[in-house]
Amino acid sequence: MTFCPVCGEEFCARHFDSWWNPETFDWEKSSWILAKHCSDHFYVWWDSQRFNWQDGSCQLARRCNKYFDIWWDPDKFSWERCSWTLAEFCHDRFFDWWDPDKFNWKFGSCELARYCTEYFDFWWDPDKFNWKVSWALAKWCHMHFYKWWDPFKFNVEVNRDLLESYCSQYRHIWERDIRLRKLLRSDSS
């Protein structure tokens, strides 16, 4: 652990220069803390080779997004754990990081819908999108209703209220499709 010799706080950003030593710093366990608490000193501590990308990628996207051009490395970034942070905190750099094959759709689909709506046509893939968060499509991508609507994949039982709130202008379509879905399911049983 690295405590500030001035105030005694752990990883004190105010007195960063008093405790920072890249040679004794525990890069493996504490890289993420640098990104989280000391982003204002990014140029001093950043070391792509020493940084623990597995533990620190989320905090880089969240706290150091203004330095994106410096730290971004798609081969080192922890896509599995932190894809969602790119969508949420680096959406303005969408075209720099977007890779549908590396992106973790299971844990990032909601953030794509919420923060990357303007790039919908580039990321939308009904076969990869996590339909368990289909409510996010109704809430944030309702303007793309005709592209994503699928009565067999959208969780109508749980999210009908969101359809009513955000997709009411398409009611004639989704009500018809829901009735049709019920008919088809009753025929098959």
N, C-alpha and C. Protein backbone atom coordinates (compact mmCIF):
# COMPACT_ATOMS: atom_id res chain seq x y z
N MET A 1 0.84 -1.18 0.00
CA MET A 1 0.00 0.00 0.00
C MET A 1 0.88 1.24 0.00
N THR A 2 0.40 2.26 -0.66
CA THR A 2 1.15 3.50 -0.77
C THR A 2 0.42 4.60 -0.02
N PHE A 3 1.02 5.03 1.08
CA PHE A 3 0.42 6.10 1.88
C PHE A 3 1.21 7.39 1.67
N CYS A 4 0.48 8.47 1.66
CA CYS A 4 1.08 9.78 1.48
C CYS A 4 1.85 10.17 2.75
N PRO A 5 3.13 10.55 2.62
CA PRO A 5 3.90 10.96 3.79
C PRO A 5 3.46 12.32 4.36
N VAL A 6 2.68 13.07 3.58
CA VAL A 6 2.23 14.40 4.03
C VAL A 6 0.95 14.30 4.85
N CYS A 7 -0.07 13.62 4.30
CA CYS A 7 -1.38 13.58 4.98
C CYS A 7 -1.75 12.20 5.51
N GLY A 8 -1.05 11.16 5.09
CA GLY A 8 -1.33 9.81 5.56
C GLY A 8 -2.41 9.09 4.78
N GLU A 9 -3.02 9.75 3.80
CA GLU A 9 -4.05 9.12 2.97
C GLU A 9 -3.40 8.11 2.02
N GLU A 10 -4.16 7.07 1.74
CA GLU A 10 -3.68 6.10 0.77
C GLU A 10 -3.92 6.65 -0.64
N PHE A 11 -2.90 6.63 -1.47
CA PHE A 11 -2.97 7.10 -2.86
C PHE A 11 -3.50 8.53 -2.96
N CYS A 12 -2.96 9.40 -2.18
CA CYS A 12 -3.37 10.81 -2.15
C CYS A 12 -3.00 11.50 -3.47
N ALA A 13 -3.99 12.04 -4.14
CA ALA A 13 -3.75 12.74 -5.40
C ALA A 13 -3.18 14.13 -5.16
N ARG A 14 -3.55 14.75 -4.04
CA ARG A 14 -3.07 16.11 -3.72
C ARG A 14 -1.55 16.16 -3.57
N HIS A 15 -1.00 15.17 -2.93
CA HIS A 15 0.45 15.14 -2.67
C HIS A 15 1.13 14.02 -3.48
N PHE A 16 0.62 13.79 -4.65
CA PHE A 16 1.10 12.72 -5.52
C PHE A 16 2.63 12.68 -5.61
N ASP A 17 3.23 13.83 -5.83
CA ASP A 17 4.68 13.90 -6.02
C ASP A 17 5.47 13.47 -4.78
N SER A 18 4.82 13.50 -3.61
CA SER A 18 5.50 13.12 -2.36
C SER A 18 5.65 11.62 -2.20
N TRP A 19 4.74 10.86 -2.76
CA TRP A 19 4.79 9.41 -2.57
C TRP A 19 5.05 8.61 -3.85
N TRP A 20 4.87 9.21 -5.00
CA TRP A 20 4.96 8.46 -6.24
C TRP A 20 6.39 8.02 -6.54
N ASN A 21 6.54 6.73 -6.74
CA ASN A 21 7.81 6.15 -7.16
C ASN A 21 7.47 4.95 -8.06
N PRO A 22 7.67 5.09 -9.37
CA PRO A 22 7.29 4.01 -10.29
C PRO A 22 8.05 2.70 -10.06
N GLU A 23 9.22 2.79 -9.42
CA GLU A 23 10.02 1.59 -9.21
C GLU A 23 9.52 0.75 -8.03
N THR A 24 8.93 1.39 -7.03
CA THR A 24 8.46 0.65 -5.86
C THR A 24 6.94 0.47 -5.86
N PHE A 25 6.28 1.12 -6.78
CA PHE A 25 4.82 1.04 -6.85
C PHE A 25 4.38 -0.39 -7.21
N ASP A 26 3.32 -0.86 -6.59
CA ASP A 26 2.79 -2.20 -6.87
C ASP A 26 1.85 -2.12 -8.07
N TRP A 27 2.42 -2.19 -9.25
CA TRP A 27 1.66 -2.07 -10.50
C TRP A 27 0.60 -3.16 -10.63
N GLU A 28 0.93 -4.35 -10.22
CA GLU A 28 0.03 -5.49 -10.38
C GLU A 28 -1.27 -5.30 -9.59
N LYS A 29 -1.16 -4.87 -8.35
CA LYS A 29 -2.34 -4.75 -7.49
C LYS A 29 -2.99 -3.38 -7.52
N SER A 30 -2.26 -2.35 -7.89
CA SER A 30 -2.77 -0.99 -7.68
C SER A 30 -2.87 -0.10 -8.91
N SER A 31 -2.63 -0.62 -10.10
CA SER A 31 -2.72 0.21 -11.31
C SER A 31 -4.06 0.92 -11.42
N TRP A 32 -5.12 0.20 -11.12
CA TRP A 32 -6.47 0.76 -11.25
C TRP A 32 -6.64 1.97 -10.34
N ILE A 33 -5.96 1.99 -9.21
CA ILE A 33 -6.09 3.10 -8.27
C ILE A 33 -5.47 4.37 -8.85
N LEU A 34 -4.38 4.22 -9.59
CA LEU A 34 -3.80 5.38 -10.25
C LEU A 34 -4.81 6.01 -11.21
N ALA A 35 -5.44 5.16 -12.01
CA ALA A 35 -6.43 5.67 -12.96
C ALA A 35 -7.61 6.30 -12.24
N LYS A 36 -8.04 5.68 -11.16
CA LYS A 36 -9.22 6.18 -10.43
C LYS A 36 -8.94 7.45 -9.66
N HIS A 37 -7.84 7.50 -8.92
CA HIS A 37 -7.60 8.62 -8.00
C HIS A 37 -6.58 9.65 -8.49
N CYS A 38 -5.75 9.27 -9.43
CA CYS A 38 -4.66 10.16 -9.82
C CYS A 38 -4.66 10.46 -11.31
N SER A 39 -5.81 10.55 -11.91
CA SER A 39 -5.88 10.80 -13.35
C SER A 39 -5.29 12.15 -13.74
N ASP A 40 -5.30 13.12 -12.83
CA ASP A 40 -4.71 14.43 -13.14
C ASP A 40 -3.19 14.35 -13.31
N HIS A 41 -2.61 13.26 -12.85
CA HIS A 41 -1.17 13.06 -12.97
C HIS A 41 -0.86 11.97 -14.01
N PHE A 42 -1.79 11.76 -14.89
CA PHE A 42 -1.69 10.69 -15.88
C PHE A 42 -0.33 10.69 -16.60
N TYR A 43 0.11 11.84 -17.07
CA TYR A 43 1.36 11.91 -17.85
C TYR A 43 2.58 11.50 -17.02
N VAL A 44 2.47 11.61 -15.70
CA VAL A 44 3.59 11.24 -14.83
C VAL A 44 3.64 9.74 -14.61
N TRP A 45 2.51 9.13 -14.34
CA TRP A 45 2.51 7.70 -13.98
C TRP A 45 2.27 6.74 -15.13
N TRP A 46 1.74 7.17 -16.24
CA TRP A 46 1.35 6.23 -17.28
C TRP A 46 2.53 5.43 -17.82
N ASP A 47 2.37 4.13 -17.83
CA ASP A 47 3.36 3.21 -18.38
C ASP A 47 2.58 2.00 -18.91
N SER A 48 2.41 1.95 -20.19
CA SER A 48 1.61 0.91 -20.83
C SER A 48 2.12 -0.50 -20.54
N GLN A 49 3.42 -0.64 -20.37
CA GLN A 49 4.00 -1.97 -20.14
C GLN A 49 3.80 -2.45 -18.70
N ARG A 50 3.81 -1.53 -17.76
CA ARG A 50 3.66 -1.90 -16.35
C ARG A 50 2.20 -1.93 -15.89
N PHE A 51 1.38 -1.16 -16.53
CA PHE A 51 -0.02 -1.04 -16.10
C PHE A 51 -0.72 -2.39 -16.16
N ASN A 52 -1.50 -2.71 -15.14
CA ASN A 52 -2.27 -3.96 -15.09
C ASN A 52 -3.59 -3.73 -15.84
N TRP A 53 -3.60 -4.08 -17.10
CA TRP A 53 -4.74 -3.85 -17.97
C TRP A 53 -5.96 -4.66 -17.53
N GLN A 54 -5.74 -5.83 -17.01
CA GLN A 54 -6.86 -6.68 -16.59
C GLN A 54 -7.68 -6.00 -15.49
N ASP A 55 -7.00 -5.45 -14.50
CA ASP A 55 -7.68 -4.80 -13.38
C ASP A 55 -7.96 -3.32 -13.61
N GLY A 56 -7.22 -2.70 -14.50
CA GLY A 56 -7.32 -1.25 -14.62
C GLY A 56 -8.04 -0.69 -15.83
N SER A 57 -8.39 -1.54 -16.79
CA SER A 57 -9.02 -1.04 -18.02
C SER A 57 -10.29 -0.24 -17.77
N CYS A 58 -11.12 -0.73 -16.86
CA CYS A 58 -12.38 -0.02 -16.58
C CYS A 58 -12.13 1.39 -16.08
N GLN A 59 -11.15 1.53 -15.18
CA GLN A 59 -10.86 2.85 -14.63
C GLN A 59 -10.19 3.76 -15.67
N LEU A 60 -9.44 3.20 -16.59
CA LEU A 60 -8.88 4.02 -17.67
C LEU A 60 -10.01 4.64 -18.49
N ALA A 61 -10.96 3.81 -18.89
CA ALA A 61 -12.08 4.32 -19.69
C ALA A 61 -12.91 5.32 -18.90
N ARG A 62 -13.13 5.03 -17.63
CA ARG A 62 -13.98 5.86 -16.78
C ARG A 62 -13.31 7.17 -16.38
N ARG A 63 -12.08 7.11 -15.92
CA ARG A 63 -11.43 8.28 -15.31
C ARG A 63 -10.38 8.96 -16.19
N CYS A 64 -9.89 8.25 -17.20
CA CYS A 64 -8.81 8.79 -18.02
C CYS A 64 -9.22 8.90 -19.48
N ASN A 65 -10.50 9.06 -19.73
CA ASN A 65 -10.97 9.08 -21.12
C ASN A 65 -10.44 10.27 -21.91
N LYS A 66 -10.06 11.34 -21.23
CA LYS A 66 -9.50 12.48 -21.97
C LYS A 66 -8.10 12.19 -22.50
N TYR A 67 -7.49 11.10 -22.02
CA TYR A 67 -6.18 10.67 -22.49
C TYR A 67 -6.29 9.45 -23.40
N PHE A 68 -7.47 9.21 -23.91
CA PHE A 68 -7.76 8.02 -24.71
C PHE A 68 -6.70 7.77 -25.78
N ASP A 69 -6.32 8.81 -26.51
CA ASP A 69 -5.34 8.66 -27.60
C ASP A 69 -4.01 8.10 -27.12
N ILE A 70 -3.71 8.31 -25.86
CA ILE A 70 -2.42 7.87 -25.32
C ILE A 70 -2.49 6.43 -24.83
N TRP A 71 -3.52 6.10 -24.08
CA TRP A 71 -3.57 4.76 -23.48
C TRP A 71 -4.25 3.69 -24.32
N TRP A 72 -5.08 4.06 -25.27
CA TRP A 72 -5.86 3.06 -25.98
C TRP A 72 -5.00 2.04 -26.70
N ASP A 73 -5.23 0.78 -26.39
CA ASP A 73 -4.56 -0.33 -27.04
C ASP A 73 -5.56 -1.49 -27.07
N PRO A 74 -6.19 -1.74 -28.22
CA PRO A 74 -7.23 -2.78 -28.28
C PRO A 74 -6.73 -4.18 -27.97
N ASP A 75 -5.43 -4.39 -28.09
CA ASP A 75 -4.88 -5.72 -27.78
C ASP A 75 -4.64 -5.92 -26.29
N LYS A 76 -4.53 -4.84 -25.54
CA LYS A 76 -4.29 -4.94 -24.10
C LYS A 76 -5.54 -4.68 -23.27
N PHE A 77 -6.46 -3.94 -23.82
CA PHE A 77 -7.68 -3.57 -23.09
C PHE A 77 -8.45 -4.83 -22.67
N SER A 78 -9.03 -4.82 -21.49
CA SER A 78 -9.80 -5.96 -20.98
C SER A 78 -11.23 -5.90 -21.51
N TRP A 79 -11.43 -6.39 -22.71
CA TRP A 79 -12.73 -6.35 -23.38
C TRP A 79 -13.78 -7.12 -22.58
N GLU A 80 -13.42 -8.27 -22.07
CA GLU A 80 -14.38 -9.13 -21.37
C GLU A 80 -14.98 -8.42 -20.16
N ARG A 81 -14.15 -7.76 -19.39
CA ARG A 81 -14.60 -7.12 -18.16
C ARG A 81 -15.07 -5.69 -18.36
N CYS A 82 -14.54 -4.99 -19.34
CA CYS A 82 -14.71 -3.53 -19.37
C CYS A 82 -15.30 -2.94 -20.64
N SER A 83 -15.79 -3.75 -21.55
CA SER A 83 -16.39 -3.21 -22.78
C SER A 83 -17.43 -2.14 -22.48
N TRP A 84 -18.25 -2.42 -21.49
CA TRP A 84 -19.34 -1.49 -21.15
C TRP A 84 -18.82 -0.10 -20.82
N THR A 85 -17.61 0.00 -20.24
CA THR A 85 -17.09 1.33 -19.88
C THR A 85 -16.71 2.13 -21.13
N LEU A 86 -16.32 1.46 -22.18
CA LEU A 86 -16.04 2.18 -23.43
C LEU A 86 -17.32 2.82 -23.95
N ALA A 87 -18.40 2.05 -23.94
CA ALA A 87 -19.68 2.58 -24.41
C ALA A 87 -20.15 3.75 -23.55
N GLU A 88 -20.00 3.61 -22.25
CA GLU A 88 -20.49 4.66 -21.34
C GLU A 88 -19.58 5.88 -21.28
N PHE A 89 -18.29 5.70 -21.18
CA PHE A 89 -17.40 6.82 -20.92
C PHE A 89 -16.57 7.28 -22.12
N CYS A 90 -16.51 6.46 -23.16
CA CYS A 90 -15.72 6.82 -24.35
C CYS A 90 -16.59 6.78 -25.61
N HIS A 91 -17.87 7.01 -25.46
CA HIS A 91 -18.77 6.94 -26.61
C HIS A 91 -18.42 7.97 -27.68
N ASP A 92 -17.82 9.08 -27.28
CA ASP A 92 -17.43 10.08 -28.27
C ASP A 92 -16.25 9.61 -29.13
N ARG A 93 -15.62 8.51 -28.72
CA ARG A 93 -14.52 7.91 -29.48
C ARG A 93 -14.95 6.57 -30.08
N PHE A 94 -16.23 6.40 -30.26
CA PHE A 94 -16.81 5.14 -30.71
C PHE A 94 -16.06 4.50 -31.88
N PHE A 95 -15.80 5.26 -32.91
CA PHE A 95 -15.17 4.69 -34.10
C PHE A 95 -13.71 4.30 -33.88
N ASP A 96 -13.11 4.80 -32.82
CA ASP A 96 -11.73 4.41 -32.51
C ASP A 96 -11.67 3.06 -31.80
N TRP A 97 -12.66 2.74 -30.99
CA TRP A 97 -12.61 1.50 -30.23
C TRP A 97 -13.57 0.41 -30.69
N TRP A 98 -14.58 0.72 -31.44
CA TRP A 98 -15.61 -0.27 -31.74
C TRP A 98 -15.07 -1.48 -32.49
N ASP A 99 -15.34 -2.63 -31.93
CA ASP A 99 -15.01 -3.91 -32.55
C ASP A 99 -16.08 -4.90 -32.12
N PRO A 100 -17.03 -5.21 -33.00
CA PRO A 100 -18.15 -6.08 -32.61
C PRO A 100 -17.73 -7.49 -32.21
N ASP A 101 -16.55 -7.91 -32.63
CA ASP A 101 -16.10 -9.25 -32.27
C ASP A 101 -15.41 -9.29 -30.90
N LYS A 102 -14.85 -8.18 -30.46
CA LYS A 102 -14.21 -8.12 -29.15
C LYS A 102 -15.15 -7.62 -28.06
N PHE A 103 -16.11 -6.83 -28.44
CA PHE A 103 -17.03 -6.23 -27.46
C PHE A 103 -17.80 -7.31 -26.72
N ASN A 104 -17.95 -7.14 -25.41
CA ASN A 104 -18.69 -8.10 -24.59
C ASN A 104 -20.17 -7.71 -24.61
N TRP A 105 -20.91 -8.30 -25.50
CA TRP A 105 -22.32 -7.99 -25.70
C TRP A 105 -23.16 -8.36 -24.49
N LYS A 106 -22.77 -9.41 -23.81
CA LYS A 106 -23.55 -9.86 -22.65
C LYS A 106 -23.63 -8.78 -21.57
N PHE A 107 -22.51 -8.12 -21.33
CA PHE A 107 -22.47 -7.12 -20.27
C PHE A 107 -22.39 -5.68 -20.77
N GLY A 108 -22.47 -5.47 -22.07
CA GLY A 108 -22.36 -4.12 -22.60
C GLY A 108 -23.49 -3.66 -23.48
N SER A 109 -24.44 -4.53 -23.75
CA SER A 109 -25.54 -4.17 -24.66
C SER A 109 -26.36 -2.99 -24.14
N CYS A 110 -26.61 -2.97 -22.86
CA CYS A 110 -27.40 -1.89 -22.27
C CYS A 110 -26.69 -0.54 -22.46
N GLU A 111 -25.39 -0.52 -22.21
CA GLU A 111 -24.62 0.72 -22.36
C GLU A 111 -24.55 1.16 -23.82
N LEU A 112 -24.47 0.22 -24.74
CA LEU A 112 -24.52 0.59 -26.16
C LEU A 112 -25.84 1.30 -26.47
N ALA A 113 -26.92 0.71 -26.00
CA ALA A 113 -28.24 1.31 -26.27
C ALA A 113 -28.36 2.69 -25.65
N ARG A 114 -27.85 2.83 -24.44
CA ARG A 114 -28.00 4.10 -23.73
C ARG A 114 -27.05 5.19 -24.21
N TYR A 115 -25.79 4.87 -24.37
CA TYR A 115 -24.79 5.91 -24.63
C TYR A 115 -24.35 6.00 -26.09
N CYS A 116 -24.62 4.97 -26.89
CA CYS A 116 -24.16 4.97 -28.28
C CYS A 116 -25.33 4.92 -29.26
N THR A 117 -26.43 5.48 -28.86
CA THR A 117 -27.63 5.49 -29.71
C THR A 117 -27.35 6.13 -31.06
N GLU A 118 -26.56 7.19 -31.07
CA GLU A 118 -26.29 7.89 -32.33
C GLU A 118 -25.49 7.03 -33.31
N TYR A 119 -24.88 5.96 -32.81
CA TYR A 119 -24.10 5.05 -33.66
C TYR A 119 -24.84 3.73 -33.89
N PHE A 120 -26.12 3.73 -33.60
CA PHE A 120 -26.94 2.51 -33.65
C PHE A 120 -26.72 1.71 -34.93
N ASP A 121 -26.73 2.37 -36.05
CA ASP A 121 -26.59 1.67 -37.33
C ASP A 121 -25.25 0.96 -37.49
N PHE A 122 -24.27 1.36 -36.71
CA PHE A 122 -22.94 0.73 -36.80
C PHE A 122 -22.81 -0.46 -35.85
N TRP A 123 -23.46 -0.40 -34.69
CA TRP A 123 -23.29 -1.48 -33.73
C TRP A 123 -24.43 -2.48 -33.70
N TRP A 124 -25.59 -2.14 -34.19
CA TRP A 124 -26.74 -3.01 -34.04
C TRP A 124 -26.53 -4.35 -34.73
N ASP A 125 -26.72 -5.42 -33.95
CA ASP A 125 -26.66 -6.77 -34.46
C ASP A 125 -27.62 -7.60 -33.61
N PRO A 126 -28.78 -7.95 -34.16
CA PRO A 126 -29.78 -8.68 -33.38
C PRO A 126 -29.32 -10.06 -32.91
N ASP A 127 -28.31 -10.59 -33.57
CA ASP A 127 -27.80 -11.90 -33.16
C ASP A 127 -26.79 -11.81 -32.01
N LYS A 128 -26.23 -10.63 -31.79
CA LYS A 128 -25.25 -10.46 -30.72
C LYS A 128 -25.82 -9.70 -29.53
N PHE A 129 -26.79 -8.85 -29.79
CA PHE A 129 -27.35 -8.04 -28.71
C PHE A 129 -27.91 -8.93 -27.60
N ASN A 130 -27.71 -8.54 -26.36
CA ASN A 130 -28.22 -9.29 -25.21
C ASN A 130 -29.70 -8.93 -25.00
N TRP A 131 -30.58 -9.76 -25.47
CA TRP A 131 -32.02 -9.47 -25.43
C TRP A 131 -32.58 -9.46 -24.02
N LYS A 132 -31.81 -9.89 -23.03
CA LYS A 132 -32.26 -9.79 -21.64
C LYS A 132 -32.39 -8.33 -21.21
N VAL A 133 -31.69 -7.45 -21.93
CA VAL A 133 -31.82 -6.01 -21.66
C VAL A 133 -32.55 -5.31 -22.81
N SER A 134 -33.50 -6.01 -23.38
CA SER A 134 -34.25 -5.44 -24.50
C SER A 134 -34.98 -4.16 -24.10
N TRP A 135 -35.28 -4.03 -22.81
CA TRP A 135 -35.92 -2.81 -22.32
C TRP A 135 -35.10 -1.57 -22.68
N ALA A 136 -33.77 -1.70 -22.75
CA ALA A 136 -32.91 -0.57 -23.08
C ALA A 136 -33.16 -0.08 -24.50
N LEU A 137 -33.52 -0.98 -25.39
CA LEU A 137 -33.86 -0.58 -26.76
C LEU A 137 -35.10 0.29 -26.77
N ALA A 138 -36.11 -0.12 -26.02
CA ALA A 138 -37.35 0.66 -25.96
C ALA A 138 -37.09 2.03 -25.36
N LYS A 139 -36.31 2.07 -24.30
CA LYS A 139 -36.08 3.32 -23.58
C LYS A 139 -35.17 4.29 -24.34
N TRP A 140 -34.07 3.81 -24.91
CA TRP A 140 -33.09 4.72 -25.49
C TRP A 140 -32.96 4.64 -27.01
N CYS A 141 -33.47 3.59 -27.63
CA CYS A 141 -33.35 3.45 -29.09
C CYS A 141 -34.71 3.39 -29.76
N HIS A 142 -35.70 3.99 -29.14
CA HIS A 142 -37.06 3.93 -29.69
C HIS A 142 -37.15 4.54 -31.09
N MET A 143 -36.27 5.50 -31.39
CA MET A 143 -36.28 6.10 -32.73
C MET A 143 -35.83 5.12 -33.81
N HIS A 144 -35.26 4.01 -33.39
CA HIS A 144 -34.83 2.95 -34.32
C HIS A 144 -35.73 1.72 -34.21
N PHE A 145 -36.92 1.93 -33.73
CA PHE A 145 -37.86 0.84 -33.46
C PHE A 145 -37.97 -0.14 -34.63
N TYR A 146 -38.12 0.36 -35.83
CA TYR A 146 -38.32 -0.51 -36.99
C TYR A 146 -37.11 -1.42 -37.25
N LYS A 147 -35.95 -1.04 -36.77
CA LYS A 147 -34.74 -1.84 -36.99
C LYS A 147 -34.59 -2.94 -35.96
N TRP A 148 -34.95 -2.67 -34.70
CA TRP A 148 -34.71 -3.65 -33.65
C TRP A 148 -35.93 -4.45 -33.22
N TRP A 149 -37.11 -3.99 -33.52
CA TRP A 149 -38.31 -4.66 -33.00
C TRP A 149 -38.40 -6.11 -33.45
N ASP A 150 -38.55 -6.99 -32.48
CA ASP A 150 -38.74 -8.41 -32.72
C ASP A 150 -39.61 -8.93 -31.59
N PRO A 151 -40.88 -9.21 -31.86
CA PRO A 151 -41.79 -9.64 -30.79
C PRO A 151 -41.43 -10.97 -30.15
N PHE A 152 -40.56 -11.72 -30.81
CA PHE A 152 -40.16 -13.02 -30.26
C PHE A 152 -38.92 -12.90 -29.37
N LYS A 153 -38.21 -11.79 -29.50
CA LYS A 153 -37.01 -11.59 -28.69
C LYS A 153 -37.20 -10.54 -27.60
N PHE A 154 -38.00 -9.53 -27.89
CA PHE A 154 -38.24 -8.49 -26.89
C PHE A 154 -39.04 -9.07 -25.73
N ASN A 155 -38.63 -8.78 -24.52
CA ASN A 155 -39.28 -9.32 -23.33
C ASN A 155 -40.55 -8.52 -23.01
N VAL A 156 -41.61 -8.83 -23.71
CA VAL A 156 -42.87 -8.08 -23.60
C VAL A 156 -43.49 -8.24 -22.22
N GLU A 157 -43.44 -9.43 -21.66
CA GLU A 157 -44.09 -9.68 -20.37
C GLU A 157 -43.57 -8.75 -19.29
N VAL A 158 -42.30 -8.49 -19.30
CA VAL A 158 -41.68 -7.66 -18.27
C VAL A 158 -41.63 -6.18 -18.67
N ASN A 159 -41.51 -5.91 -19.95
CA ASN A 159 -41.22 -4.54 -20.40
C ASN A 159 -42.31 -3.86 -21.22
N ARG A 160 -43.51 -4.35 -21.13
CA ARG A 160 -44.60 -3.73 -21.89
C ARG A 160 -44.78 -2.25 -21.52
N ASP A 161 -44.59 -1.92 -20.24
CA ASP A 161 -44.75 -0.53 -19.81
C ASP A 161 -43.76 0.40 -20.51
N LEU A 162 -42.56 -0.11 -20.81
CA LEU A 162 -41.58 0.71 -21.52
C LEU A 162 -41.97 0.90 -22.98
N LEU A 163 -42.56 -0.12 -23.56
CA LEU A 163 -43.10 0.05 -24.92
C LEU A 163 -44.17 1.14 -24.92
N GLU A 164 -45.03 1.08 -23.92
CA GLU A 164 -46.10 2.08 -23.84
C GLU A 164 -45.55 3.48 -23.60
N SER A 165 -44.51 3.58 -22.77
CA SER A 165 -43.94 4.90 -22.45
C SER A 165 -43.10 5.48 -23.58
N TYR A 166 -42.27 4.66 -24.20
CA TYR A 166 -41.30 5.18 -25.17
C TYR A 166 -41.62 4.86 -26.63
N CYS A 167 -42.45 3.86 -26.85
CA CYS A 167 -42.73 3.44 -28.23
C CYS A 167 -44.22 3.50 -28.54
N SER A 168 -44.90 4.42 -27.92
CA SER A 168 -46.36 4.51 -28.10
C SER A 168 -46.75 4.82 -29.55
N GLN A 169 -45.90 5.54 -30.27
CA GLN A 169 -46.20 5.87 -31.67
C GLN A 169 -46.19 4.63 -32.57
N TYR A 170 -45.61 3.53 -32.03
CA TYR A 170 -45.57 2.27 -32.80
C TYR A 170 -46.54 1.24 -32.22
N ARG A 171 -47.44 1.68 -31.36
CA ARG A 171 -48.37 0.78 -30.68
C ARG A 171 -49.10 -0.14 -31.65
N HIS A 172 -49.56 0.40 -32.75
CA HIS A 172 -50.30 -0.40 -33.73
C HIS A 172 -49.46 -1.59 -34.23
N ILE A 173 -48.14 -1.42 -34.27
CA ILE A 173 -47.25 -2.49 -34.73
C ILE A 173 -47.01 -3.50 -33.62
N TRP A 174 -46.57 -3.01 -32.44
CA TRP A 174 -46.21 -3.97 -31.40
C TRP A 174 -47.41 -4.66 -30.79
N GLU A 175 -48.56 -4.02 -30.74
CA GLU A 175 -49.75 -4.73 -30.24
C GLU A 175 -50.16 -5.83 -31.20
N ARG A 176 -50.14 -5.52 -32.49
CA ARG A 176 -50.46 -6.53 -33.51
C ARG A 176 -49.49 -7.71 -33.44
N ASP A 177 -48.20 -7.39 -33.33
CA ASP A 177 -47.18 -8.45 -33.28
C ASP A 177 -47.27 -9.29 -32.01
N ILE A 178 -47.63 -8.66 -30.91
CA ILE A 178 -47.77 -9.40 -29.65
C ILE A 178 -48.95 -10.37 -29.74
N ARG A 179 -50.05 -9.91 -30.32
CA ARG A 179 -51.20 -10.80 -30.52
C ARG A 179 -50.83 -11.97 -31.42
N LEU A 180 -50.12 -11.67 -32.49
CA LEU A 180 -49.68 -12.71 -33.42
C LEU A 180 -48.76 -13.71 -32.71
N ARG A 181 -47.87 -13.21 -31.90
CA ARG A 181 -46.96 -14.08 -31.15
C ARG A 181 -47.74 -15.02 -30.24
N LYS A 182 -48.74 -14.51 -29.56
CA LYS A 182 -49.57 -15.34 -28.68
C LYS A 182 -50.31 -16.42 -29.47
N LEU A 183 -50.81 -16.03 -30.63
CA LEU A 183 -51.50 -17.01 -31.47
C LEU A 183 -50.55 -18.12 -31.93
N LEU A 184 -49.38 -17.72 -32.36
CA LEU A 184 -48.41 -18.72 -32.83
C LEU A 184 -47.96 -19.64 -31.71
N ARG A 185 -47.80 -19.09 -30.54
CA ARG A 185 -47.38 -19.93 -29.39
C ARG A 185 -48.50 -20.86 -28.95
N SER A 186 -49.73 -20.40 -29.01
CA SER A 186 -50.85 -21.26 -28.60
C SER A 186 -51.07 -22.38 -29.63
N ASP A 187 -50.80 -22.09 -30.91
CA ASP A 187 -50.92 -23.10 -31.96
C ASP A 187 -49.87 -24.21 -31.82
N SER A 188 -48.71 -23.82 -31.35
CA SER A 188 -47.61 -24.79 -31.26
C SER A 188 -47.69 -25.65 -30.00
N SER A 189 -48.55 -25.30 -29.07
CA SER A 189 -48.64 -26.11 -27.85
C SER A 189 -49.75 -27.13 -27.86
